[in-house]
């Protein structure tokens, strides 16, 4: 998917291409900088402004980002094939990001 965020410092549109997994109507991704340290810029941007859009299969969707916590984070980590060995060690420091649908006419509050 292509994730469109607003740069937290620049205010300019930023685009990141990310892997994801569906979870009902939500899209789930992991805020990883490869396997390196530090948060990816797109995640820092979402923390500053959680409203974003995604391009997926020829459609654009308005979304709001949040961090999965606890058992939900563990369950969602398991959606990513090949990451099972990392679930116990990484979920405590690697955010699992849930992109929930939002209305394009919604206002921030």
Protein backbone atom coordinates (compact mmCIF):
# COMPACT_ATOMS: atom_id res chain seq x y z
CA UNK A 1 0.00 0.00 0.00
CA UNK A 2 1.02 3.62 -0.46
CA UNK A 3 0.62 5.58 2.75
CA UNK A 4 0.20 9.35 2.46
CA UNK A 5 1.07 11.28 5.62
CA UNK A 6 1.76 14.91 6.46
CA UNK A 7 5.36 15.63 7.45
CA UNK A 8 5.44 16.58 11.13
CA UNK A 9 8.09 19.24 10.53
CA UNK A 10 7.54 20.28 6.92
CA UNK A 11 3.76 20.04 6.67
CA UNK A 12 4.33 18.55 3.20
CA UNK A 13 2.78 15.34 1.93
CA UNK A 14 5.01 12.29 2.37
CA UNK A 15 4.49 8.88 0.77
CA UNK A 16 5.74 5.54 2.07
CA UNK A 17 5.23 2.16 0.42
CA UNK A 18 4.49 -0.42 3.11
CA UNK A 19 3.56 -4.03 3.49
CA UNK A 20 0.30 -4.63 5.28
CA UNK A 21 -2.22 -7.24 6.28
CA UNK A 22 -5.99 -6.80 6.38
CA UNK A 23 -7.80 -7.28 9.69
CA UNK A 24 -11.49 -6.92 8.98
CA UNK A 25 -11.97 -3.40 7.67
CA UNK A 26 -8.64 -2.28 9.16
CA UNK A 27 -5.20 -2.39 7.57
CA UNK A 28 -2.29 -3.42 9.78
CA UNK A 29 1.40 -2.66 9.37
CA UNK A 30 4.45 -2.68 11.62
CA UNK A 31 6.50 0.44 12.37
CA UNK A 32 9.86 -1.07 11.54
CA UNK A 33 12.91 0.58 10.08
CA UNK A 34 13.96 -2.61 8.37
CA UNK A 35 15.36 -4.58 11.28
CA UNK A 36 17.39 -1.53 12.40
CA UNK A 37 16.88 0.73 15.36
CA UNK A 38 14.72 3.81 15.43
CA UNK A 39 11.25 4.62 14.21
CA UNK A 40 10.52 5.10 10.51
CA UNK A 41 9.67 8.65 9.46
CA UNK A 42 6.16 7.71 8.34
CA UNK A 43 5.40 6.47 11.87
CA UNK A 44 6.73 9.66 13.45
CA UNK A 45 4.49 11.61 11.05
CA UNK A 46 1.45 9.52 12.04
CA UNK A 47 2.15 10.06 15.72
CA UNK A 48 2.03 13.82 15.11
CA UNK A 49 -1.05 13.60 12.84
CA UNK A 50 -2.83 10.21 12.81
CA UNK A 51 -5.12 11.10 9.88
CA UNK A 52 -3.76 9.81 6.59
CA UNK A 53 -4.79 8.23 3.31
CA UNK A 54 -3.77 4.96 1.70
CA UNK A 55 -3.79 3.89 -1.92
CA UNK A 56 -4.70 0.27 -2.26
CA UNK A 57 -5.79 -1.72 -5.29
CA UNK A 58 -6.75 1.39 -7.25
CA UNK A 59 -8.70 2.95 -4.39
CA UNK A 60 -7.88 5.74 -1.97
CA UNK A 61 -9.03 5.32 1.62
CA UNK A 62 -9.07 7.82 4.46
CA UNK A 63 -7.64 6.25 7.62
CA UNK A 64 -6.73 7.08 11.19
CA UNK A 65 -3.69 5.41 12.74
CA UNK A 66 -3.42 3.99 16.23
CA UNK A 67 -1.07 1.64 18.03
CA UNK A 68 -2.28 -1.86 18.86
CA UNK A 69 -1.69 -2.78 22.49
CA UNK A 70 -1.34 -5.98 24.51
CA UNK A 71 -3.05 -9.09 23.21
CA UNK A 72 -4.25 -7.26 20.11
CA UNK A 73 -0.65 -6.39 19.18
CA UNK A 74 0.43 -10.00 19.66
CA UNK A 75 -2.48 -11.27 17.56
CA UNK A 76 -1.79 -8.77 14.77
CA UNK A 77 1.97 -9.50 14.72
CA UNK A 78 1.05 -13.09 13.89
CA UNK A 79 -0.59 -11.87 10.65
CA UNK A 80 2.88 -11.24 9.19
CA UNK A 81 4.36 -14.52 7.89
CA UNK A 82 7.90 -15.16 9.00
CA UNK A 83 7.70 -12.86 12.03
CA UNK A 84 6.57 -15.48 14.55
CA UNK A 85 10.05 -15.78 16.16
CA UNK A 86 10.06 -12.02 16.74
CA UNK A 87 6.61 -11.65 18.31
CA UNK A 88 7.71 -12.07 21.91
CA UNK A 89 10.84 -9.94 21.62
CA UNK A 90 9.72 -7.17 19.27
CA UNK A 91 6.11 -6.34 20.19
CA UNK A 92 7.23 -4.53 23.31
CA UNK A 93 9.27 -2.03 21.31
CA UNK A 94 7.99 -2.23 17.74
CA UNK A 95 4.57 -0.64 17.29
CA UNK A 96 1.91 -2.57 15.44
CA UNK A 97 0.00 0.13 13.58
CA UNK A 98 -3.72 -0.20 12.91
CA UNK A 99 -5.13 1.99 10.15
CA UNK A 100 -8.85 2.32 10.78
CA UNK A 101 -11.28 3.68 8.18
CA UNK A 102 -12.46 7.25 8.72
CA UNK A 103 -14.94 9.40 6.95
CA UNK A 104 -13.34 11.93 4.62
CA UNK A 105 -15.76 14.51 6.04
CA UNK A 106 -14.70 13.87 9.66
CA UNK A 107 -13.07 16.63 11.61
CA UNK A 108 -10.34 16.35 14.15
CA UNK A 109 -11.40 16.72 17.72
